[in-house]
Amino acid sequence: MAGTASGTQQVLSAEQKKILEAFKNCDKPAGAKDIAEATGIDKKTVSSTITKLKKDNLLDSPERCKYGITGDGINALDG
C-alpha cells in the first residue's frame, strides 16, 4: 500500500490553509518572504511549511525559490 490514492482528503492545519490561501491569491509565483508578509506568519515557519506542502504536491516550484499552488493544493483548500 505504498503511496496515496488520488482523491485522498488532505488534512490541513489552520496555518497550512492560511499559507495555501495566500498562494492561491497570488497572481504569480511567490517566495517565503512574500507569503510571510501577506499572512503575518514567521518566515521560518512559512519556509518549513512550504517544504511540507511541496512534498505533499500542494505547491510546486516553477522557478528557483518561488512557489505556486497546484491543482491538488486548490482541491485541498476547497475540500
N, C-alpha and C. Protein backbone atom coordinates (compact mmCIF):
# COMPACT_ATOMS: atom_id res chain seq x y z
N MET A 1 0.81 -1.19 0.00
CA MET A 1 0.00 0.00 0.00
C MET A 1 0.87 1.27 0.00
N ALA A 2 1.86 1.26 -0.80
CA ALA A 2 2.74 2.42 -0.89
C ALA A 2 2.06 3.54 -1.66
N GLY A 3 2.37 4.79 -1.28
CA GLY A 3 1.78 5.94 -1.99
C GLY A 3 0.41 6.26 -1.47
N THR A 4 -0.15 7.32 -2.01
CA THR A 4 -1.50 7.71 -1.61
C THR A 4 -2.41 7.66 -2.82
N ALA A 5 -3.61 7.24 -2.59
CA ALA A 5 -4.57 7.18 -3.68
C ALA A 5 -5.00 8.59 -4.05
N SER A 6 -5.19 8.84 -5.33
CA SER A 6 -5.65 10.18 -5.70
C SER A 6 -7.08 10.34 -5.20
N GLY A 7 -7.40 11.54 -4.80
CA GLY A 7 -8.71 11.78 -4.21
C GLY A 7 -8.69 11.66 -2.70
N THR A 8 -7.56 11.26 -2.12
CA THR A 8 -7.45 11.17 -0.68
C THR A 8 -7.53 12.57 -0.09
N GLN A 9 -8.37 12.74 0.90
CA GLN A 9 -8.54 14.05 1.53
C GLN A 9 -7.30 14.42 2.32
N GLN A 10 -6.80 15.61 2.08
CA GLN A 10 -5.64 16.15 2.77
C GLN A 10 -6.15 16.87 4.02
N VAL A 11 -5.59 16.58 5.18
CA VAL A 11 -5.98 17.28 6.39
C VAL A 11 -4.96 18.39 6.62
N LEU A 12 -5.43 19.62 6.57
CA LEU A 12 -4.54 20.77 6.67
C LEU A 12 -4.72 21.48 8.01
N SER A 13 -3.62 21.96 8.56
CA SER A 13 -3.70 22.78 9.77
C SER A 13 -4.20 24.17 9.36
N ALA A 14 -4.62 24.96 10.33
CA ALA A 14 -5.08 26.32 10.05
C ALA A 14 -3.96 27.13 9.40
N GLU A 15 -2.73 26.92 9.87
CA GLU A 15 -1.59 27.64 9.32
C GLU A 15 -1.34 27.24 7.86
N GLN A 16 -1.43 25.94 7.57
CA GLN A 16 -1.24 25.48 6.19
C GLN A 16 -2.32 26.06 5.29
N LYS A 17 -3.55 26.10 5.77
CA LYS A 17 -4.64 26.67 4.97
C LYS A 17 -4.38 28.14 4.69
N LYS A 18 -3.93 28.87 5.71
CA LYS A 18 -3.65 30.30 5.55
C LYS A 18 -2.56 30.52 4.51
N ILE A 19 -1.53 29.69 4.54
CA ILE A 19 -0.41 29.81 3.59
C ILE A 19 -0.89 29.43 2.18
N LEU A 20 -1.65 28.36 2.06
CA LEU A 20 -2.17 27.98 0.73
C LEU A 20 -3.10 29.05 0.18
N GLU A 21 -3.94 29.63 1.03
CA GLU A 21 -4.83 30.72 0.59
C GLU A 21 -4.01 31.89 0.04
N ALA A 22 -2.92 32.22 0.73
CA ALA A 22 -2.06 33.32 0.27
C ALA A 22 -1.49 33.00 -1.11
N PHE A 23 -1.06 31.76 -1.32
CA PHE A 23 -0.56 31.38 -2.64
C PHE A 23 -1.67 31.43 -3.68
N LYS A 24 -2.84 31.00 -3.30
CA LYS A 24 -3.98 31.00 -4.22
C LYS A 24 -4.30 32.42 -4.68
N ASN A 25 -4.11 33.38 -3.79
CA ASN A 25 -4.42 34.78 -4.10
C ASN A 25 -3.31 35.50 -4.86
N CYS A 26 -2.16 34.84 -5.03
CA CYS A 26 -1.05 35.45 -5.77
C CYS A 26 -1.28 35.27 -7.27
N ASP A 27 -0.93 36.30 -8.04
CA ASP A 27 -1.09 36.19 -9.49
C ASP A 27 0.17 35.67 -10.18
N LYS A 28 1.22 35.43 -9.38
CA LYS A 28 2.47 34.87 -9.91
C LYS A 28 3.15 34.10 -8.78
N PRO A 29 4.14 33.26 -9.11
CA PRO A 29 4.85 32.54 -8.06
C PRO A 29 5.42 33.49 -7.01
N ALA A 30 5.39 33.06 -5.75
CA ALA A 30 5.83 33.91 -4.65
C ALA A 30 6.85 33.18 -3.79
N GLY A 31 7.66 33.94 -3.09
CA GLY A 31 8.65 33.39 -2.19
C GLY A 31 8.14 33.36 -0.76
N ALA A 32 8.89 32.71 0.11
CA ALA A 32 8.51 32.59 1.51
C ALA A 32 8.36 33.97 2.16
N LYS A 33 9.23 34.90 1.82
CA LYS A 33 9.17 36.24 2.39
C LYS A 33 7.84 36.92 2.02
N ASP A 34 7.43 36.78 0.77
CA ASP A 34 6.17 37.38 0.31
C ASP A 34 4.98 36.81 1.09
N ILE A 35 4.99 35.50 1.28
CA ILE A 35 3.89 34.84 1.97
C ILE A 35 3.91 35.19 3.45
N ALA A 36 5.09 35.28 4.03
CA ALA A 36 5.20 35.67 5.44
C ALA A 36 4.61 37.07 5.64
N GLU A 37 4.92 37.99 4.73
CA GLU A 37 4.38 39.35 4.82
C GLU A 37 2.87 39.36 4.64
N ALA A 38 2.38 38.53 3.72
CA ALA A 38 0.94 38.51 3.43
C ALA A 38 0.12 37.88 4.57
N THR A 39 0.73 36.92 5.27
CA THR A 39 -0.02 36.18 6.29
C THR A 39 0.29 36.61 7.72
N GLY A 40 1.44 37.25 7.92
CA GLY A 40 1.86 37.60 9.27
C GLY A 40 2.49 36.42 10.01
N ILE A 41 2.74 35.33 9.29
CA ILE A 41 3.37 34.15 9.88
C ILE A 41 4.89 34.30 9.73
N ASP A 42 5.64 33.88 10.74
CA ASP A 42 7.09 33.96 10.73
C ASP A 42 7.67 33.30 9.47
N LYS A 43 8.69 33.95 8.87
CA LYS A 43 9.26 33.45 7.62
C LYS A 43 9.82 32.04 7.74
N LYS A 44 10.45 31.72 8.87
CA LYS A 44 10.99 30.36 9.05
C LYS A 44 9.86 29.33 9.08
N THR A 45 8.75 29.69 9.71
CA THR A 45 7.59 28.80 9.75
C THR A 45 7.02 28.63 8.35
N VAL A 46 6.92 29.73 7.61
CA VAL A 46 6.43 29.66 6.23
C VAL A 46 7.34 28.76 5.41
N SER A 47 8.65 28.92 5.53
CA SER A 47 9.59 28.11 4.76
C SER A 47 9.45 26.62 5.05
N SER A 48 9.34 26.26 6.32
CA SER A 48 9.21 24.84 6.65
C SER A 48 7.86 24.30 6.19
N THR A 49 6.82 25.13 6.25
CA THR A 49 5.50 24.70 5.78
C THR A 49 5.51 24.53 4.27
N ILE A 50 6.17 25.42 3.55
CA ILE A 50 6.30 25.29 2.10
C ILE A 50 6.97 23.96 1.74
N THR A 51 8.02 23.59 2.46
CA THR A 51 8.71 22.33 2.21
C THR A 51 7.74 21.16 2.34
N LYS A 52 6.92 21.15 3.39
CA LYS A 52 5.96 20.07 3.58
C LYS A 52 4.89 20.09 2.49
N LEU A 53 4.38 21.26 2.17
CA LEU A 53 3.33 21.36 1.15
C LEU A 53 3.85 20.95 -0.23
N LYS A 54 5.12 21.24 -0.51
CA LYS A 54 5.72 20.78 -1.77
C LYS A 54 5.81 19.26 -1.79
N LYS A 55 6.24 18.68 -0.67
CA LYS A 55 6.35 17.22 -0.57
C LYS A 55 4.99 16.56 -0.79
N ASP A 56 3.93 17.23 -0.31
CA ASP A 56 2.57 16.70 -0.46
C ASP A 56 1.93 17.08 -1.80
N ASN A 57 2.72 17.70 -2.69
CA ASN A 57 2.27 18.09 -4.03
C ASN A 57 1.16 19.15 -4.00
N LEU A 58 1.13 19.97 -2.95
CA LEU A 58 0.13 21.04 -2.88
C LEU A 58 0.71 22.36 -3.39
N LEU A 59 2.04 22.43 -3.44
CA LEU A 59 2.75 23.56 -4.04
C LEU A 59 3.77 23.00 -5.01
N ASP A 60 4.12 23.81 -6.03
CA ASP A 60 5.23 23.45 -6.89
C ASP A 60 6.18 24.64 -6.95
N SER A 61 7.29 24.44 -7.60
CA SER A 61 8.30 25.49 -7.68
C SER A 61 8.64 25.75 -9.15
N PRO A 62 7.88 26.64 -9.80
CA PRO A 62 8.12 26.89 -11.22
C PRO A 62 9.42 27.66 -11.49
N GLU A 63 9.93 28.35 -10.48
CA GLU A 63 11.23 29.00 -10.60
C GLU A 63 11.93 28.95 -9.25
N ARG A 64 13.24 29.11 -9.27
CA ARG A 64 14.05 28.95 -8.06
C ARG A 64 13.55 29.87 -6.94
N CYS A 65 13.27 29.26 -5.79
CA CYS A 65 12.85 29.97 -4.56
C CYS A 65 11.50 30.68 -4.69
N LYS A 66 10.73 30.31 -5.70
CA LYS A 66 9.37 30.84 -5.87
C LYS A 66 8.43 29.66 -5.98
N TYR A 67 7.25 29.80 -5.45
CA TYR A 67 6.32 28.68 -5.38
C TYR A 67 4.94 29.11 -5.83
N GLY A 68 4.17 28.14 -6.27
CA GLY A 68 2.79 28.37 -6.68
C GLY A 68 1.94 27.20 -6.24
N ILE A 69 0.65 27.46 -6.07
CA ILE A 69 -0.27 26.41 -5.64
C ILE A 69 -0.58 25.49 -6.82
N THR A 70 -0.71 24.22 -6.54
CA THR A 70 -1.05 23.23 -7.58
C THR A 70 -2.56 23.00 -7.58
N GLY A 71 -3.01 22.25 -8.56
CA GLY A 71 -4.43 21.85 -8.58
C GLY A 71 -4.80 21.06 -7.33
N ASP A 72 -3.88 20.21 -6.87
CA ASP A 72 -4.13 19.44 -5.64
C ASP A 72 -4.23 20.38 -4.45
N GLY A 73 -3.43 21.46 -4.45
CA GLY A 73 -3.48 22.44 -3.38
C GLY A 73 -4.82 23.16 -3.34
N ILE A 74 -5.31 23.53 -4.51
CA ILE A 74 -6.62 24.18 -4.59
C ILE A 74 -7.71 23.22 -4.13
N ASN A 75 -7.63 21.97 -4.56
CA ASN A 75 -8.61 20.97 -4.13
C ASN A 75 -8.58 20.76 -2.63
N ALA A 76 -7.38 20.76 -2.03
CA ALA A 76 -7.25 20.57 -0.59
C ALA A 76 -7.92 21.73 0.16
N LEU A 77 -7.81 22.93 -0.37
CA LEU A 77 -8.46 24.09 0.26
C LEU A 77 -9.97 24.00 0.13
N ASP A 78 -10.43 23.57 -1.05
CA ASP A 78 -11.87 23.51 -1.32
C ASP A 78 -12.54 22.33 -0.64
N GLY A 79 -11.72 21.32 -0.27
CA GLY A 79 -12.26 20.08 0.29
C GLY A 79 -12.58 20.17 1.68
